[in-house]
C-alpha cells in the first residue's frame, strides 16, 4: 500500500556506494564506525545506522556479522531512504530481499551521482503478501530482488502482485528474474548459434556420485555467487576430493570451456542492458580462468588497464557491434528491463555467456587517476539508467 503522508521521517542511510567508495580508496573509517556504533547504542536505536554498519562489516569481509546486523536493522524498520545530491529528481522505490551485497540490483551504485531519492524496502520472505507495507509516495518502483533459491517463492508472489501496482514498475515481471538460474539461462539459450551458454545442470550429490559428469567440468554449490566454491575438476579423483570438501547437497555442474586468448590470458566482460541497450561496465584480464575484477591484478598492471580503457572506448563500435545479434536474442529471451551479464568470447568468435543476473555489482568506486578512463563510459551507463527510470515514471 502507498501512504502519501509518509514523505519524511524514514531512517536515512549512507548506502553501500558511499561506504564502498571509502573502503575501496582506503580512507580511515574508524571515526565513521564509532559514529555508527554510537547511533545504534542510543534509545531508540537508529536502524539506518545499523544498516550502514552492516554494509561496512560486509566490505571488510565479515559477511555473517554483516547479515546479522542487517537482520536486526530490518526487524526494527523495513523501509529506508537515501537522498542523492539535492534530491530534486524522481523518487524511486526499490523492492529488495534481505541478503548480502550481491542479493539485489545495485541501485545505490547506479544512482550515486544523481539527484534521485531512493526508498529501499526490505521485503519479508515469508509473507503471503510481501508488498503489504506502508510504502511512501514514489514515482517508479523497481523489483530489485535477485534470483536465488531463497528468493524463488518471494519472486513468484511479487510477480502476481506487481501487475496491480499503482505506479510504473521496472522489472515487474518477477518470474523472469526467477528464471535466471544458471541452468535455466543455459537451457533458454541452448539453441542460439551466435552464443555459447555452456550446458549446466543442477544436480544432487547422490546423482553426481552415481553418474559423474564428463571431464573437464566446473562445479559449484547451488546458490553461491562471486566464484565461491567454484572449481574445475578434470578426473574422478578431483571430483571425489571436491565433494569431500563441500558438504552441500546440490551443485551446478557445467562443461568447462577454455576461453583463454592467444596470450594465455582470460578476459571477462561485465555488460548491463538498459531498455535493451548494452553498456560496458568493465573488462577484467586475468591469468586464471576464474576472473574477478578485484583479484585480476587490474590495479597493479598498467597494460591490463590500457587494454580495458581501449575496450571500453571502442565497445559500441567493436564488441557490441560484433555481438549485436546475440544481444538481441538475449534481451528477447530474458525479457527484463534491466539485467547484466558476465561474458567472454570463444576461440571461434561467439559470445560466451557465464551468467545473467539483475544483481551484478556495477560501480565506479575507483577514484585513482589510473582509472580515469572509466569516468566517461560509466557516466554514460548511469545517465542512461536514470533517464530510463524517468521515462518509465511517465508510463513509457
Protein backbone atom coordinates (compact mmCIF):
# COMPACT_ATOMS: atom_id res chain seq x y z
CA UNK A 1 0.00 0.00 0.00
CA UNK A 2 1.15 3.54 -0.66
CA UNK A 3 0.82 6.24 2.00
CA UNK A 4 1.17 9.75 0.59
CA UNK A 5 1.61 11.13 4.11
CA UNK A 6 4.94 9.31 4.50
CA UNK A 7 7.31 11.75 2.86
CA UNK A 8 9.91 12.20 5.61
CA UNK A 9 10.81 10.52 8.84
CA UNK A 10 12.27 7.38 7.25
CA UNK A 11 15.63 6.22 8.61
CA UNK A 12 18.41 7.68 6.45
CA UNK A 13 21.37 5.65 5.19
CA UNK A 14 24.65 6.48 3.50
CA UNK A 15 24.28 3.30 1.47
CA UNK A 16 26.81 0.79 0.14
CA UNK A 17 28.08 3.00 -2.71
CA UNK A 18 29.31 5.85 -0.50
CA UNK A 19 30.64 3.40 2.08
CA UNK A 20 32.21 1.18 -0.56
CA UNK A 21 33.99 4.15 -2.12
CA UNK A 22 35.55 5.00 1.24
CA UNK A 23 36.64 1.38 1.70
CA UNK A 24 37.89 0.94 -1.88
CA UNK A 25 40.01 4.10 -1.64
CA UNK A 26 41.43 3.09 1.76
CA UNK A 27 40.03 6.00 3.72
CA UNK A 28 40.22 5.88 7.50
CA UNK A 29 36.84 4.54 8.60
CA UNK A 30 37.41 4.48 12.35
CA UNK A 31 35.59 7.77 13.08
CA UNK A 32 32.64 6.74 10.92
CA UNK A 33 32.43 3.34 12.59
CA UNK A 34 32.49 5.00 16.01
CA UNK A 35 29.69 7.35 14.95
CA UNK A 36 27.54 4.48 13.64
CA UNK A 37 28.10 2.44 16.79
CA UNK A 38 27.11 5.46 18.84
CA UNK A 39 23.90 5.85 16.87
CA UNK A 40 22.90 2.22 17.41
CA UNK A 41 23.71 2.48 21.12
CA UNK A 42 21.09 5.15 21.72
CA UNK A 43 17.50 4.68 22.78
CA UNK A 44 15.73 4.39 20.44
CA UNK A 45 18.24 2.59 18.20
CA UNK A 46 18.87 4.17 14.78
CA UNK A 47 18.11 1.36 12.27
CA UNK A 48 19.65 3.39 9.40
CA UNK A 49 22.99 3.47 11.21
CA UNK A 50 22.70 -0.25 11.91
CA UNK A 51 22.06 -0.94 8.21
CA UNK A 52 25.10 1.15 7.20
CA UNK A 53 27.21 -0.71 9.73
CA UNK A 54 26.04 -3.97 8.16
CA UNK A 55 27.31 -2.76 4.76
CA UNK A 56 30.69 -1.74 6.20
CA UNK A 57 31.02 -5.06 8.01
CA UNK A 58 30.46 -6.91 4.73
CA UNK A 59 33.03 -4.75 2.93
CA UNK A 60 35.71 -5.70 5.41
CA UNK A 61 34.92 -9.37 4.78
CA UNK A 62 32.66 -10.39 7.66
CA UNK A 63 29.56 -11.44 5.73
CA UNK A 64 27.83 -13.33 8.55
CA UNK A 65 28.15 -10.49 11.06
CA UNK A 66 27.00 -8.04 8.38
CA UNK A 67 23.90 -10.08 7.66
CA UNK A 68 23.18 -10.35 11.38
CA UNK A 69 23.29 -6.56 11.67
CA UNK A 70 21.05 -6.24 8.62
CA UNK A 71 18.51 -8.63 10.14
CA UNK A 72 18.46 -6.58 13.34
CA UNK A 73 18.01 -3.34 11.38
CA UNK A 74 15.09 -4.58 9.30
CA UNK A 75 13.45 -6.13 12.36
CA UNK A 76 13.19 -2.54 13.57
CA UNK A 77 12.31 -0.91 10.23
CA UNK A 78 11.86 -2.32 6.73
CA UNK A 79 11.82 0.94 4.73
CA UNK A 80 14.78 3.33 4.48
CA UNK A 81 15.65 6.45 2.49
CA UNK A 82 18.79 7.55 0.68
CA UNK A 83 18.84 11.03 -0.86
CA UNK A 84 21.42 11.71 -3.58
CA UNK A 85 22.55 15.21 -4.46
CA UNK A 86 19.80 17.70 -3.69
CA UNK A 87 17.00 15.12 -4.02
CA UNK A 88 15.25 17.19 -6.69
CA UNK A 89 14.73 14.32 -9.16
CA UNK A 90 12.26 11.43 -9.06
CA UNK A 91 11.51 9.20 -6.07
CA UNK A 92 12.35 5.53 -6.69
CA UNK A 93 11.08 2.65 -4.58
CA UNK A 94 13.33 -0.43 -4.57
CA UNK A 95 11.82 -3.78 -3.56
CA UNK A 96 14.70 -5.72 -2.02
CA UNK A 97 15.25 -9.12 -0.48
CA UNK A 98 17.34 -9.47 2.67
CA UNK A 99 20.83 -10.62 1.77
CA UNK A 100 24.40 -9.61 1.11
CA UNK A 101 25.72 -7.02 -1.34
CA UNK A 102 25.11 -9.36 -4.30
CA UNK A 103 21.46 -10.12 -3.45
CA UNK A 104 19.77 -7.16 -5.16
CA UNK A 105 20.09 -4.85 -8.14
CA UNK A 106 22.88 -2.41 -7.18
CA UNK A 107 20.64 0.66 -7.34
CA UNK A 108 22.71 2.57 -4.81
CA UNK A 109 25.76 2.33 -7.09
CA UNK A 110 23.73 3.20 -10.19
CA UNK A 111 22.20 6.32 -8.60
CA UNK A 112 25.15 7.56 -6.53
CA UNK A 113 25.80 10.65 -8.69
CA UNK A 114 22.15 11.60 -9.30
CA UNK A 115 19.58 13.79 -7.56
CA UNK A 116 17.21 10.84 -7.07
CA UNK A 117 15.66 9.86 -3.76
CA UNK A 118 15.92 6.09 -3.30
CA UNK A 119 13.47 4.37 -0.94
CA UNK A 120 14.71 0.87 -0.12
CA UNK A 121 12.17 -1.62 1.20
CA UNK A 122 13.34 -4.99 2.53
CA UNK A 123 10.54 -7.46 1.90
CA UNK A 124 9.51 -10.32 4.17
CA UNK A 125 10.45 -13.61 2.51
CA UNK A 126 7.73 -15.45 4.43
CA UNK A 127 4.82 -13.04 3.94
CA UNK A 128 1.87 -14.11 1.78
CA UNK A 129 1.73 -10.51 0.55
CA UNK A 130 5.28 -9.13 0.78
CA UNK A 131 4.13 -5.83 -0.77
CA UNK A 132 1.73 -5.11 2.10
CA UNK A 133 3.95 -2.47 3.69
CA UNK A 134 3.43 1.26 4.29
CA UNK A 135 5.38 2.45 1.26
CA UNK A 136 5.90 6.20 0.84
CA UNK A 137 4.78 8.05 -2.27
CA UNK A 138 7.09 7.39 -5.21
CA UNK A 139 7.27 7.92 -8.97
CA UNK A 140 8.51 4.50 -10.07
CA UNK A 141 9.22 1.15 -8.41
CA UNK A 142 11.94 -1.38 -9.18
CA UNK A 143 11.82 -5.10 -8.41
CA UNK A 144 15.41 -5.38 -7.20
CA UNK A 145 15.40 -8.80 -5.50
CA UNK A 146 17.74 -11.07 -7.43
CA UNK A 147 17.39 -14.74 -8.23
CA UNK A 148 18.43 -17.18 -5.51
CA UNK A 149 16.99 -20.36 -4.04
CA UNK A 150 15.84 -18.32 -1.02
CA UNK A 151 14.07 -15.75 -3.21
CA UNK A 152 12.15 -18.06 -5.53
CA UNK A 153 8.88 -18.03 -3.57
CA UNK A 154 9.18 -14.26 -3.00
CA UNK A 155 9.65 -13.58 -6.71
CA UNK A 156 6.62 -15.70 -7.60
CA UNK A 157 4.49 -13.73 -5.13
CA UNK A 158 5.81 -10.40 -6.43
CA UNK A 159 5.03 -11.42 -9.99
CA UNK A 160 1.35 -11.82 -9.12
CA UNK A 161 1.20 -8.58 -7.15
CA UNK A 162 3.27 -6.27 -9.34
CA UNK A 163 0.71 -6.33 -12.16
CA UNK A 164 -1.63 -4.35 -9.91
CA UNK A 165 0.90 -1.88 -8.56
CA UNK A 166 -0.47 1.67 -8.80
CA UNK A 167 2.82 3.15 -10.07
CA UNK A 168 5.02 2.26 -13.05
CA UNK A 169 7.35 -0.59 -12.18
CA UNK A 170 10.71 -1.67 -13.60
CA UNK A 171 11.46 -5.40 -13.92
CA UNK A 172 7.91 -6.10 -12.79
CA UNK A 173 7.97 -9.50 -14.50
CA UNK A 174 9.47 -11.10 -11.43
CA UNK A 175 9.08 -14.61 -12.89
CA UNK A 176 11.64 -13.61 -15.49
CA UNK A 177 14.02 -12.84 -12.62
CA UNK A 178 13.20 -16.19 -11.00
CA UNK A 179 14.13 -17.88 -14.29
CA UNK A 180 17.70 -16.53 -14.16
CA UNK A 181 19.05 -19.71 -12.59
CA UNK A 182 22.32 -20.92 -14.06
CA UNK A 183 20.68 -23.99 -15.55
CA UNK A 184 17.59 -22.05 -16.63
CA UNK A 185 19.60 -19.47 -18.57
CA UNK A 186 21.75 -22.16 -20.22
CA UNK A 187 18.64 -24.09 -21.30
CA UNK A 188 16.87 -20.98 -22.60
CA UNK A 189 19.82 -20.12 -24.84
CA UNK A 190 20.99 -23.60 -25.83
CA UNK A 191 19.75 -23.27 -29.42
CA UNK A 192 21.29 -19.89 -30.20
CA UNK A 193 24.16 -20.28 -32.69
CA UNK A 194 25.53 -16.79 -32.05
CA UNK A 195 26.42 -17.54 -28.43
CA UNK A 196 27.54 -20.35 -26.20
CA UNK A 197 25.90 -20.81 -22.81
CA UNK A 198 27.68 -23.93 -21.52
CA UNK A 199 25.32 -26.78 -20.70
CA UNK A 200 24.61 -26.52 -16.98
CA UNK A 201 22.75 -28.91 -14.70
CA UNK A 202 21.66 -28.58 -11.09
CA UNK A 203 22.46 -31.99 -9.60
CA UNK A 204 22.33 -33.58 -6.19
CA UNK A 205 25.39 -35.04 -4.56
CA UNK A 206 23.96 -38.56 -4.92
CA UNK A 207 23.32 -38.06 -8.65
CA UNK A 208 26.87 -36.83 -9.21
CA UNK A 209 28.34 -39.82 -7.39
CA UNK A 210 26.19 -42.25 -9.41
CA UNK A 211 26.75 -40.55 -12.76
CA UNK A 212 29.84 -38.31 -12.76
CA UNK A 213 29.96 -35.52 -15.35
CA UNK A 214 32.23 -35.63 -18.35
CA UNK A 215 35.62 -34.07 -17.74
CA UNK A 216 36.75 -31.37 -17.55
CA UNK A 217 33.76 -29.77 -15.84
CA UNK A 218 33.17 -26.90 -13.47
CA UNK A 219 31.29 -27.42 -10.24
CA UNK A 220 29.96 -25.05 -7.59
CA UNK A 221 27.41 -25.27 -4.77
CA UNK A 222 23.95 -24.12 -5.87
CA UNK A 223 23.06 -20.63 -4.71
CA UNK A 224 26.61 -19.29 -4.46
CA UNK A 225 27.93 -16.16 -6.15
CA UNK A 226 31.28 -14.44 -6.76
CA UNK A 227 33.06 -17.71 -7.52
CA UNK A 228 32.53 -19.13 -4.03
CA UNK A 229 33.15 -22.87 -4.20
CA UNK A 230 33.71 -22.80 -7.98
CA UNK A 231 36.38 -25.23 -9.20
CA UNK A 232 37.38 -27.18 -12.28
CA UNK A 233 37.51 -30.97 -11.96
CA UNK A 234 39.41 -32.95 -14.56
CA UNK A 235 39.11 -36.55 -13.35
CA UNK A 236 37.17 -38.74 -10.89
CA UNK A 237 39.76 -38.27 -8.15
CA UNK A 238 39.44 -34.45 -8.26
CA UNK A 239 35.65 -34.76 -8.23
CA UNK A 240 35.72 -37.04 -5.16
CA UNK A 241 38.07 -34.63 -3.39
CA UNK A 242 35.80 -31.68 -4.21
CA UNK A 243 32.71 -33.43 -2.84
CA UNK A 244 34.59 -34.39 0.31
CA UNK A 245 35.44 -30.72 0.92
CA UNK A 246 31.96 -29.32 0.21
CA UNK A 247 29.08 -30.56 2.38
CA UNK A 248 26.26 -29.04 0.29
CA UNK A 249 23.71 -31.34 -1.34
CA UNK A 250 23.06 -29.53 -4.63
CA UNK A 251 25.61 -28.32 -7.16
CA UNK A 252 25.72 -26.66 -10.56
CA UNK A 253 27.80 -28.71 -12.96
CA UNK A 254 28.80 -27.33 -16.35
CA UNK A 255 31.12 -28.12 -19.22
CA UNK A 256 34.46 -26.34 -18.89
CA UNK A 257 35.21 -24.07 -21.82
CA UNK A 258 38.78 -22.91 -22.34
CA UNK A 259 38.31 -19.30 -23.37
CA UNK A 260 41.92 -18.18 -22.99
CA UNK A 261 43.29 -15.88 -25.67
CA UNK A 262 46.39 -16.45 -27.81
CA UNK A 263 48.44 -14.94 -24.98
CA UNK A 264 47.08 -17.45 -22.49
CA UNK A 265 45.12 -14.83 -20.54
CA UNK A 266 41.41 -14.94 -19.75
CA UNK A 267 39.09 -11.98 -20.40
CA UNK A 268 35.69 -11.42 -18.85
CA UNK A 269 33.34 -8.54 -19.67
CA UNK A 270 30.51 -7.28 -17.47
CA UNK A 271 27.73 -5.71 -19.56
CA UNK A 272 24.38 -4.35 -18.47
CA UNK A 273 21.31 -3.93 -20.64
CA UNK A 274 19.09 -0.93 -20.02
CA UNK A 275 15.92 -0.98 -22.12
CA UNK A 276 17.72 -3.43 -24.47
CA UNK A 277 20.77 -1.19 -24.99
CA UNK A 278 24.13 -2.71 -23.90
CA UNK A 279 26.55 -0.73 -21.72
CA UNK A 280 30.02 -1.85 -20.73
CA UNK A 281 30.80 -1.91 -17.02
CA UNK A 282 34.27 -3.44 -17.04
CA UNK A 283 36.76 -5.75 -18.69
CA UNK A 284 38.91 -7.89 -16.42
CA UNK A 285 42.05 -9.64 -17.68
CA UNK A 286 43.43 -12.48 -15.60
CA UNK A 287 45.93 -15.32 -15.56
CA UNK A 288 43.24 -17.60 -14.09
CA UNK A 289 40.06 -18.88 -15.72
CA UNK A 290 38.00 -17.71 -12.72
CA UNK A 291 38.08 -13.99 -13.42
CA UNK A 292 37.17 -11.42 -10.78
CA UNK A 293 38.00 -7.79 -11.29
CA UNK A 294 39.22 -7.26 -7.72
CA UNK A 295 41.67 -10.19 -7.89
CA UNK A 296 42.73 -9.95 -11.54
CA UNK A 297 45.56 -7.50 -10.86
CA UNK A 298 43.98 -4.63 -12.76
CA UNK A 299 45.17 -2.06 -10.21
CA UNK A 300 48.75 -3.27 -10.36
CA UNK A 301 49.02 -3.93 -14.10
CA UNK A 302 49.07 -0.85 -16.35
CA UNK A 303 48.97 -2.94 -19.54
CA UNK A 304 45.73 -4.58 -18.46
CA UNK A 305 44.23 -1.19 -17.61
CA UNK A 306 45.29 0.10 -21.02
CA UNK A 307 43.51 -2.86 -22.62
CA UNK A 308 40.37 -2.19 -20.57
CA UNK A 309 40.46 1.51 -21.48
CA UNK A 310 40.69 0.70 -25.19
CA UNK A 311 37.97 -1.92 -24.92
CA UNK A 312 35.56 0.41 -23.13
CA UNK A 313 36.22 3.26 -25.57
CA UNK A 314 35.54 1.04 -28.59
CA UNK A 315 32.77 -1.08 -27.06
CA UNK A 316 29.84 0.26 -29.13
CA UNK A 317 31.67 0.05 -32.45
CA UNK A 318 33.53 -3.20 -31.79
CA UNK A 319 32.31 -5.77 -29.23
CA UNK A 320 28.67 -4.65 -29.15
CA UNK A 321 28.52 -4.44 -32.94
CA UNK A 322 30.03 -7.92 -33.41
CA UNK A 323 27.60 -9.46 -30.92
CA UNK A 324 24.53 -7.37 -31.77
CA UNK A 325 22.51 -10.39 -32.89
CA UNK A 326 23.38 -12.34 -29.72
CA UNK A 327 22.46 -9.31 -27.60
CA UNK A 328 19.08 -9.00 -29.30
CA UNK A 329 18.30 -12.66 -28.64
CA UNK A 330 19.44 -12.31 -25.02
CA UNK A 331 17.05 -9.41 -24.48
CA UNK A 332 14.20 -11.31 -26.15
CA UNK A 333 14.70 -14.49 -24.12
CA UNK A 334 15.41 -12.88 -20.75
CA UNK A 335 12.61 -10.34 -21.07
CA UNK A 336 13.65 -7.80 -18.43
CA UNK A 337 14.03 -4.02 -18.49
CA UNK A 338 17.39 -4.18 -16.74
CA UNK A 339 19.85 -7.05 -16.35
CA UNK A 340 23.54 -7.78 -16.57
CA UNK A 341 25.75 -10.49 -17.99
CA UNK A 342 29.26 -11.73 -17.40
CA UNK A 343 30.68 -12.98 -20.66
CA UNK A 344 33.74 -13.66 -22.77
CA UNK A 345 34.42 -14.87 -26.29
CA UNK A 346 35.11 -18.32 -27.63
CA UNK A 347 38.02 -19.06 -29.94
CA UNK A 348 35.61 -19.10 -32.89
CA UNK A 349 34.26 -15.63 -32.02
CA UNK A 350 30.95 -16.48 -30.34
CA UNK A 351 29.70 -14.73 -27.22
CA UNK A 352 30.48 -16.96 -24.24
CA UNK A 353 27.86 -16.44 -21.53
CA UNK A 354 28.82 -17.16 -17.94
CA UNK A 355 25.86 -15.70 -16.11
CA UNK A 356 22.83 -13.41 -16.45
CA UNK A 357 21.51 -11.60 -13.39
CA UNK A 358 19.88 -8.37 -12.23
CA UNK A 359 22.10 -8.13 -9.14
CA UNK A 360 25.61 -7.83 -10.59
CA UNK A 361 27.59 -5.05 -8.93
CA UNK A 362 28.09 -2.14 -11.34
CA UNK A 363 30.11 0.73 -9.89
CA UNK A 364 32.73 3.42 -10.37
CA UNK A 365 34.32 3.32 -6.93
CA UNK A 366 37.91 3.62 -8.15
CA UNK A 367 38.84 7.27 -7.62
CA UNK A 368 42.54 6.98 -8.50
CA UNK A 369 43.89 8.68 -11.65
CA UNK A 370 44.90 5.32 -13.09
CA UNK A 371 41.18 4.57 -13.58
CA UNK A 372 40.20 7.95 -15.02
CA UNK A 373 39.33 6.26 -18.33
CA UNK A 374 36.26 4.71 -16.69
CA UNK A 375 34.57 8.01 -15.98
CA UNK A 376 33.04 8.59 -19.43
CA UNK A 377 31.61 5.09 -20.10
CA UNK A 378 30.36 4.67 -16.53
CA UNK A 379 28.74 8.11 -16.50
CA UNK A 380 27.04 7.19 -19.76
CA UNK A 381 25.72 3.97 -18.16
CA UNK A 382 24.47 5.74 -15.02
CA UNK A 383 22.85 8.56 -17.02
CA UNK A 384 21.08 6.03 -19.23
CA UNK A 385 19.67 4.21 -16.22
CA UNK A 386 18.39 7.40 -14.61
CA UNK A 387 16.87 8.54 -17.93
CA UNK A 388 15.12 5.17 -18.23
CA UNK A 389 13.71 5.49 -14.72
CA UNK A 390 12.35 8.93 -15.61
CA UNK A 391 10.89 7.59 -18.82
CA UNK A 392 9.23 4.67 -17.03
CA UNK A 393 7.91 7.01 -14.30
CA UNK A 394 5.90 8.72 -17.05
CA UNK A 395 4.43 5.37 -18.11
CA UNK A 396 6.59 4.99 -21.23
